[in-house]
Amino acid sequence: MKGGKVVAEVPVTWIELQKSPESTEVVLNQNRVVEMDFGGKTQPVKIQSTQAISNQPTDQSRQQ
């Protein structure tokens, strides 16, 4: 949210950790946020980005 307006929405899946992190952590993969772990909580969110999936080269496109 910025200025009281929603600027972005992302589909997420709640997952379960065996142990809660001490502080909030952001997990990156190739400079993309893929997970957010919340300090003291065992339920982080895993970000499901269809755009990130569609931007990944397939085996077929790598061979060209």
C-alpha atoms as a PDB file:
ATOM      1  CA  MET A   1       0.000   0.000   0.000  1.00  0.00           C
ATOM      2  CA  LYS A   2       1.146   3.479  -0.748  1.00  0.00           C
ATOM      3  CA  GLY A   3      -0.825   6.549   0.174  1.00  0.00           C
ATOM      4  CA  GLY A   4      -3.731   4.352   1.265  1.00  0.00           C
ATOM      5  CA  LYS A   5      -3.944   2.648  -2.145  1.00  0.00           C
ATOM      6  CA  VAL A   6      -3.001  -0.890  -3.144  1.00  0.00           C
ATOM      7  CA  VAL A   7      -0.041  -0.758  -5.522  1.00  0.00           C
ATOM      8  CA  ALA A   8       0.640  -4.492  -5.893  1.00  0.00           C
ATOM      9  CA  GLU A   9      -0.908  -7.863  -5.148  1.00  0.00           C
ATOM     10  CA  VAL A  10       0.775 -11.260  -5.376  1.00  0.00           C
ATOM     11  CA  PRO A  11      -0.619 -14.775  -4.970  1.00  0.00           C
ATOM     12  CA  VAL A  12       0.938 -16.540  -1.962  1.00  0.00           C
ATOM     13  CA  THR A  13       0.793 -19.878  -0.208  1.00  0.00           C
ATOM     14  CA  TRP A  14       1.083 -20.154   3.554  1.00  0.00           C
ATOM     15  CA  ILE A  15       3.640 -22.807   4.501  1.00  0.00           C
ATOM     16  CA  GLU A  16       4.792 -24.254   7.824  1.00  0.00           C
ATOM     17  CA  LEU A  17       8.305 -24.056   9.273  1.00  0.00           C
ATOM     18  CA  GLN A  18       9.607 -26.428  11.930  1.00  0.00           C
ATOM     19  CA  LYS A  19      11.201 -23.511  13.798  1.00  0.00           C
ATOM     20  CA  SER A  20      10.322 -19.836  13.737  1.00  0.00           C
ATOM     21  CA  PRO A  21      13.069 -17.378  12.725  1.00  0.00           C
ATOM     22  CA  GLU A  22      14.188 -14.837  15.315  1.00  0.00           C
ATOM     23  CA  SER A  23      13.618 -11.929  12.931  1.00  0.00           C
ATOM     24  CA  THR A  24      11.700 -11.285   9.740  1.00  0.00           C
ATOM     25  CA  GLU A  25      13.572 -12.560   6.680  1.00  0.00           C
ATOM     26  CA  VAL A  26      13.097 -12.131   2.940  1.00  0.00           C
ATOM     27  CA  VAL A  27      14.213 -15.072   0.779  1.00  0.00           C
ATOM     28  CA  LEU A  28      15.475 -14.161  -2.697  1.00  0.00           C
ATOM     29  CA  ASN A  29      16.074 -16.249  -5.817  1.00  0.00           C
ATOM     30  CA  GLN A  30      17.795 -14.434  -8.698  1.00  0.00           C
ATOM     31  CA  ASN A  31      16.872 -11.037  -7.168  1.00  0.00           C
ATOM     32  CA  ARG A  32      13.202 -12.004  -6.858  1.00  0.00           C
ATOM     33  CA  VAL A  33      11.355 -12.286  -3.558  1.00  0.00           C
ATOM     34  CA  VAL A  34      10.173 -15.900  -3.260  1.00  0.00           C
ATOM     35  CA  GLU A  35       9.377 -16.172   0.444  1.00  0.00           C
ATOM     36  CA  MET A  36       8.861 -14.007   3.519  1.00  0.00           C
ATOM     37  CA  ASP A  37       9.520 -15.483   6.954  1.00  0.00           C
ATOM     38  CA  PHE A  38       8.064 -13.515   9.858  1.00  0.00           C
ATOM     39  CA  GLY A  39      10.059 -13.286  13.081  1.00  0.00           C
ATOM     40  CA  GLY A  40       8.561 -15.410  15.860  1.00  0.00           C
ATOM     41  CA  LYS A  41       6.050 -17.099  13.515  1.00  0.00           C
ATOM     42  CA  THR A  42       6.165 -20.585  12.020  1.00  0.00           C
ATOM     43  CA  GLN A  43       3.973 -19.655   9.046  1.00  0.00           C
ATOM     44  CA  PRO A  44       5.821 -17.792   6.275  1.00  0.00           C
ATOM     45  CA  VAL A  45       4.366 -16.998   2.877  1.00  0.00           C
ATOM     46  CA  LYS A  46       5.746 -18.483  -0.325  1.00  0.00           C
ATOM     47  CA  ILE A  47       5.198 -16.151  -3.268  1.00  0.00           C
ATOM     48  CA  GLN A  48       3.789 -17.764  -6.394  1.00  0.00           C
ATOM     49  CA  SER A  49       4.769 -15.585  -9.297  1.00  0.00           C
ATOM     50  CA  THR A  50       3.396 -16.796 -12.608  1.00  0.00           C
ATOM     51  CA  GLN A  51       5.459 -14.075 -14.297  1.00  0.00           C
ATOM     52  CA  ALA A  52       8.673 -15.488 -12.819  1.00  0.00           C
ATOM     53  CA  ILE A  53       7.719 -18.944 -14.062  1.00  0.00           C
ATOM     54  CA  SER A  54       6.886 -17.701 -17.561  1.00  0.00           C
ATOM     55  CA  ASN A  55      10.189 -15.785 -17.743  1.00  0.00           C
ATOM     56  CA  GLN A  56      12.256 -18.899 -16.986  1.00  0.00           C
ATOM     57  CA  PRO A  57      13.824 -20.358 -20.148  1.00  0.00           C
ATOM     58  CA  THR A  58      12.609 -23.805 -21.037  1.00  0.00           C
ATOM     59  CA  ASP A  59      14.919 -26.609 -22.132  1.00  0.00           C
ATOM     60  CA  GLN A  60      13.683 -26.093 -25.683  1.00  0.00           C
ATOM     61  CA  SER A  61      14.437 -22.340 -25.717  1.00  0.00           C
ATOM     62  CA  ARG A  62      17.950 -22.901 -24.292  1.00  0.00           C
ATOM     63  CA  GLN A  63      18.833 -25.163 -27.232  1.00  0.00           C
ATOM     64  CA  GLN A  64      17.980 -22.529 -29.853  1.00  0.00           C
END
